[in-house]
């Protein structure tokens, strides 16, 4: 090797280049760590209803370590995202001394039993809310499915002026609706939308005008449905095609 000038020349050039790169890296490392690039402003954007200014100030004070160049964006994003009402966070630097944080809050849609809240994307999150929300029940893998059907069933019931206050999905994928006037509606596992649409039409045209308080409606019949009224309600002549029973569906 020592008697081959060309190889020695290449080796020397490589070592010189490596030394230059290491020197440049060392200089840049020192420069970016100097206290001449401080973060002077943290700008938080987003439609915030539940995340408070005090919570944001606490995150900034405890987790934003370093200057404009050395701040760990991933750790900063994770710190903001641990707040209960925060769904998603985007963090980026703005030259020369600003950090921009965009926060997306959860929009509560319902309660998942007494365990958690459900957002508008059909995702569970843990936070406190005093809002009057419908309650969902179902298997652990059915959160998104229940949230999607809630929207559909609410639209189909709109002509009746009833609102969905409870929606249940059984382990066998059968559906049950509870409404704000105390009615329980059994939908079953097949043709749920068709059944509910027909029921809403009949209810609006007949039952809603009879003064009959219906406590239970079973829509799992192939050619109709059965309803039940509370035992203490007054007796009325049933509408054509609709059976009303004191003690059970008929």
Protein backbone atom coordinates (compact mmCIF):
# COMPACT_ATOMS: atom_id res chain seq x y z
CA UNK A 1 0.00 0.00 0.00
CA UNK A 2 2.77 2.42 0.94
CA UNK A 3 4.34 1.95 -2.48
CA UNK A 4 1.12 2.93 -4.25
CA UNK A 5 0.93 6.74 -4.38
CA UNK A 6 -2.53 6.78 -5.93
CA UNK A 7 -4.10 4.88 -3.02
CA UNK A 8 -2.30 7.09 -0.51
CA UNK A 9 -3.59 10.15 -2.34
CA UNK A 10 -7.19 8.90 -2.22
CA UNK A 11 -6.87 8.00 1.46
CA UNK A 12 -5.50 11.41 2.33
CA UNK A 13 -8.29 13.15 0.44
CA UNK A 14 -10.88 11.04 2.22
CA UNK A 15 -9.44 11.87 5.64
CA UNK A 16 -9.30 15.59 4.78
CA UNK A 17 -12.94 15.50 3.65
CA UNK A 18 -14.01 13.62 6.78
CA UNK A 19 -12.20 16.10 8.99
CA UNK A 20 -13.87 19.01 7.18
CA UNK A 21 -17.33 17.46 7.60
CA UNK A 22 -16.73 16.82 11.32
CA UNK A 23 -15.46 20.36 11.79
CA UNK A 24 -18.49 21.81 9.99
CA UNK A 25 -20.82 19.64 12.08
CA UNK A 26 -19.11 20.77 15.27
CA UNK A 27 -19.41 24.44 14.31
CA UNK A 28 -23.10 24.07 13.39
CA UNK A 29 -23.81 22.17 16.61
CA UNK A 30 -22.25 24.94 18.65
CA UNK A 31 -24.06 27.67 16.74
CA UNK A 32 -27.55 26.18 17.00
CA UNK A 33 -27.07 25.59 20.73
CA UNK A 34 -26.03 29.15 21.44
CA UNK A 35 -28.63 31.24 23.30
CA UNK A 36 -29.03 33.49 20.27
CA UNK A 37 -32.02 31.63 18.77
CA UNK A 38 -34.59 31.63 21.59
CA UNK A 39 -38.27 30.91 21.04
CA UNK A 40 -39.97 34.20 21.78
CA UNK A 41 -43.55 33.35 20.81
CA UNK A 42 -45.82 30.30 20.86
CA UNK A 43 -48.90 30.84 18.69
CA UNK A 44 -51.84 28.49 19.30
CA UNK A 45 -54.59 28.27 16.68
CA UNK A 46 -57.80 26.27 16.58
CA UNK A 47 -61.43 26.48 17.64
CA UNK A 48 -60.98 25.85 21.35
CA UNK A 49 -63.99 25.42 23.61
CA UNK A 50 -62.63 23.12 26.30
CA UNK A 51 -58.85 23.54 26.24
CA UNK A 52 -58.03 26.43 28.57
CA UNK A 53 -55.33 29.07 28.45
CA UNK A 54 -53.96 27.78 31.75
CA UNK A 55 -53.51 24.28 30.32
CA UNK A 56 -51.64 25.66 27.32
CA UNK A 57 -49.38 27.79 29.50
CA UNK A 58 -48.59 24.75 31.65
CA UNK A 59 -47.54 22.74 28.59
CA UNK A 60 -45.39 25.60 27.30
CA UNK A 61 -43.68 26.07 30.65
CA UNK A 62 -43.02 22.42 31.39
CA UNK A 63 -42.36 20.80 28.03
CA UNK A 64 -40.93 23.38 25.63
CA UNK A 65 -37.20 22.96 26.19
CA UNK A 66 -34.54 24.27 23.83
CA UNK A 67 -34.25 27.03 21.28
CA UNK A 68 -35.66 27.48 17.79
CA UNK A 69 -33.47 24.70 16.36
CA UNK A 70 -33.17 22.24 19.22
CA UNK A 71 -36.82 22.04 20.31
CA UNK A 72 -38.11 18.48 19.82
CA UNK A 73 -41.30 18.89 17.77
CA UNK A 74 -42.46 15.30 18.30
CA UNK A 75 -42.24 15.58 22.08
CA UNK A 76 -43.92 18.98 21.97
CA UNK A 77 -46.80 17.59 19.92
CA UNK A 78 -47.21 14.64 22.30
CA UNK A 79 -47.31 16.98 25.30
CA UNK A 80 -50.19 19.01 23.85
CA UNK A 81 -52.01 15.87 22.68
CA UNK A 82 -52.17 14.49 26.23
CA UNK A 83 -54.73 17.14 27.16
CA UNK A 84 -58.15 15.41 27.56
CA UNK A 85 -60.03 17.38 24.90
CA UNK A 86 -57.27 17.47 22.29
CA UNK A 87 -57.74 15.13 19.32
CA UNK A 88 -54.90 16.18 17.06
CA UNK A 89 -51.98 18.64 17.13
CA UNK A 90 -49.74 20.05 14.40
CA UNK A 91 -46.53 21.81 15.43
CA UNK A 92 -44.09 23.71 13.19
CA UNK A 93 -41.41 26.35 13.44
CA UNK A 94 -41.86 29.84 12.03
CA UNK A 95 -38.64 31.73 11.40
CA UNK A 96 -37.08 33.43 13.20
CA UNK A 97 -38.44 32.84 16.73
CA UNK A 98 -42.00 31.51 16.62
CA UNK A 99 -43.59 28.12 17.26
CA UNK A 100 -46.98 27.56 15.66
CA UNK A 101 -49.32 25.04 17.30
CA UNK A 102 -52.64 24.08 15.65
CA UNK A 103 -54.97 22.24 18.01
CA UNK A 104 -58.03 20.22 16.98
CA UNK A 105 -60.47 19.52 19.77
CA UNK A 106 -62.75 16.53 20.12
CA UNK A 107 -66.38 17.34 19.28
CA UNK A 108 -68.48 15.26 21.62
CA UNK A 109 -71.27 13.29 19.99
CA UNK A 110 -72.42 10.93 22.73
CA UNK A 111 -71.44 8.99 25.81
CA UNK A 112 -70.19 5.43 25.56
CA UNK A 113 -72.06 3.99 28.52
CA UNK A 114 -70.48 5.52 31.61
CA UNK A 115 -66.95 4.80 30.41
CA UNK A 116 -66.00 7.50 27.93
CA UNK A 117 -67.20 10.03 25.38
CA UNK A 118 -67.60 9.49 21.64
CA UNK A 119 -66.47 12.19 19.23
CA UNK A 120 -67.89 13.05 15.81
CA UNK A 121 -65.40 10.66 14.15
CA UNK A 122 -66.66 7.70 16.15
CA UNK A 123 -63.60 7.66 18.41
CA UNK A 124 -63.54 7.21 22.17
CA UNK A 125 -61.88 9.79 24.40
CA UNK A 126 -61.81 10.39 28.13
CA UNK A 127 -62.92 13.81 29.32
CA UNK A 128 -65.56 15.40 31.54
CA UNK A 129 -68.68 16.89 29.97
CA UNK A 130 -71.92 18.22 31.45
CA UNK A 131 -73.67 18.36 28.07
CA UNK A 132 -76.96 16.52 27.56
CA UNK A 133 -75.71 13.78 25.24
CA UNK A 134 -77.24 10.56 23.90
CA UNK A 135 -75.84 7.34 25.32
CA UNK A 136 -74.41 4.56 23.16
CA UNK A 137 -73.99 0.92 24.14
CA UNK A 138 -72.31 -1.81 22.16
CA UNK A 139 -69.34 -4.15 21.78
CA UNK A 140 -65.86 -2.67 21.99
CA UNK A 141 -65.32 -2.80 18.23
CA UNK A 142 -68.65 -1.13 17.44
CA UNK A 143 -68.04 2.49 18.48
CA UNK A 144 -67.65 3.87 14.96
CA UNK A 145 -70.53 1.72 13.69
CA UNK A 146 -72.90 3.01 16.37
CA UNK A 147 -71.85 6.61 15.75
CA UNK A 148 -72.53 6.29 12.02
CA UNK A 149 -75.95 4.70 12.55
CA UNK A 150 -76.89 7.36 15.09
CA UNK A 151 -76.75 10.01 12.39
CA UNK A 152 -78.83 7.88 10.01
CA UNK A 153 -81.48 6.97 12.57
CA UNK A 154 -81.76 10.55 13.81
CA UNK A 155 -82.53 11.75 10.27
CA UNK A 156 -85.10 9.00 9.71
CA UNK A 157 -86.88 9.87 12.98
CA UNK A 158 -86.91 13.60 12.25
CA UNK A 159 -90.50 13.59 10.88
CA UNK A 160 -91.75 12.26 14.24
CA UNK A 161 -90.08 15.08 16.21
CA UNK A 162 -88.54 12.39 18.42
CA UNK A 163 -84.84 12.45 19.22
CA UNK A 164 -82.56 9.50 19.79
CA UNK A 165 -81.37 9.53 23.40
CA UNK A 166 -80.05 5.98 23.54
CA UNK A 167 -78.72 3.63 20.87
CA UNK A 168 -77.85 0.01 21.60
CA UNK A 169 -76.00 -2.46 19.40
CA UNK A 170 -76.13 -5.98 20.79
CA UNK A 171 -73.30 -8.51 20.39
CA UNK A 172 -75.48 -10.17 17.72
CA UNK A 173 -75.65 -6.84 15.84
CA UNK A 174 -79.30 -6.15 16.66
CA UNK A 175 -80.30 -2.50 17.10
CA UNK A 176 -82.49 -0.80 19.69
CA UNK A 177 -83.37 2.90 19.94
CA UNK A 178 -84.51 4.88 22.97
CA UNK A 179 -86.17 8.26 22.35
CA UNK A 180 -86.64 11.44 24.33
CA UNK A 181 -90.34 10.68 24.94
CA UNK A 182 -89.56 7.34 26.59
CA UNK A 183 -90.24 5.06 23.64
CA UNK A 184 -88.13 1.97 22.97
CA UNK A 185 -87.88 0.91 19.32
CA UNK A 186 -86.65 -2.54 18.36
CA UNK A 187 -85.08 -2.56 14.89
CA UNK A 188 -83.53 -6.00 14.72
CA UNK A 189 -80.62 -6.92 12.47
CA UNK A 190 -82.01 -6.52 8.94
CA UNK A 191 -83.44 -3.66 6.88
CA UNK A 192 -83.17 -1.30 9.85
CA UNK A 193 -83.37 1.91 7.81
CA UNK A 194 -86.34 0.72 5.75
CA UNK A 195 -88.23 -0.38 8.85
CA UNK A 196 -87.56 2.85 10.71
CA UNK A 197 -88.52 5.00 7.72
CA UNK A 198 -91.88 3.21 7.40
CA UNK A 199 -92.52 3.48 11.13
CA UNK A 200 -91.71 7.20 11.14
CA UNK A 201 -94.19 7.77 8.30
CA UNK A 202 -97.00 5.85 10.02
CA UNK A 203 -96.26 7.46 13.37
CA UNK A 204 -96.41 10.97 11.94
CA UNK A 205 -99.67 10.30 10.09
CA UNK A 206 -101.54 8.30 12.74
CA UNK A 207 -100.12 7.62 16.19
CA UNK A 208 -98.87 11.14 16.76
CA UNK A 209 -102.43 12.47 16.34
CA UNK A 210 -104.26 9.87 18.42
CA UNK A 211 -103.02 10.98 21.80
CA UNK A 212 -101.72 7.47 22.47
CA UNK A 213 -98.52 7.30 24.51
CA UNK A 214 -96.53 4.51 22.86
CA UNK A 215 -93.87 3.03 25.14
CA UNK A 216 -92.57 0.26 22.89
CA UNK A 217 -92.48 -0.42 19.15
CA UNK A 218 -91.28 -3.68 17.64
CA UNK A 219 -90.36 -3.25 13.97
CA UNK A 220 -89.02 -6.76 13.47
CA UNK A 221 -92.06 -7.97 11.54
CA UNK A 222 -91.85 -8.62 7.79
CA UNK A 223 -95.02 -6.68 6.88
CA UNK A 224 -95.56 -4.24 9.72
CA UNK A 225 -94.84 -3.51 13.36
CA UNK A 226 -96.44 -3.75 16.79
CA UNK A 227 -96.63 -1.09 19.47
CA UNK A 228 -97.41 -1.11 23.18
CA UNK A 229 -98.70 1.72 25.32
CA UNK A 230 -98.30 2.16 29.08
CA UNK A 231 -101.02 0.42 31.12
CA UNK A 232 -102.19 3.70 32.66
CA UNK A 233 -102.75 5.42 29.30
CA UNK A 234 -106.27 5.98 28.05
CA UNK A 235 -107.66 3.47 25.57
CA UNK A 236 -108.10 4.70 22.00
CA UNK A 237 -109.25 2.99 18.86
CA UNK A 238 -106.09 1.82 17.08
CA UNK A 239 -105.27 3.12 13.65
CA UNK A 240 -105.77 0.75 10.73
CA UNK A 241 -102.81 -1.58 10.42
CA UNK A 242 -101.42 -0.71 13.87
CA UNK A 243 -101.97 -2.97 16.88
CA UNK A 244 -101.84 -1.43 20.39
CA UNK A 245 -101.76 -3.58 23.52
CA UNK A 246 -101.92 -2.80 27.25
CA UNK A 247 -99.58 -5.57 28.30
CA UNK A 248 -97.60 -6.55 25.26
CA UNK A 249 -97.09 -6.22 21.55
CA UNK A 250 -99.88 -7.65 19.39
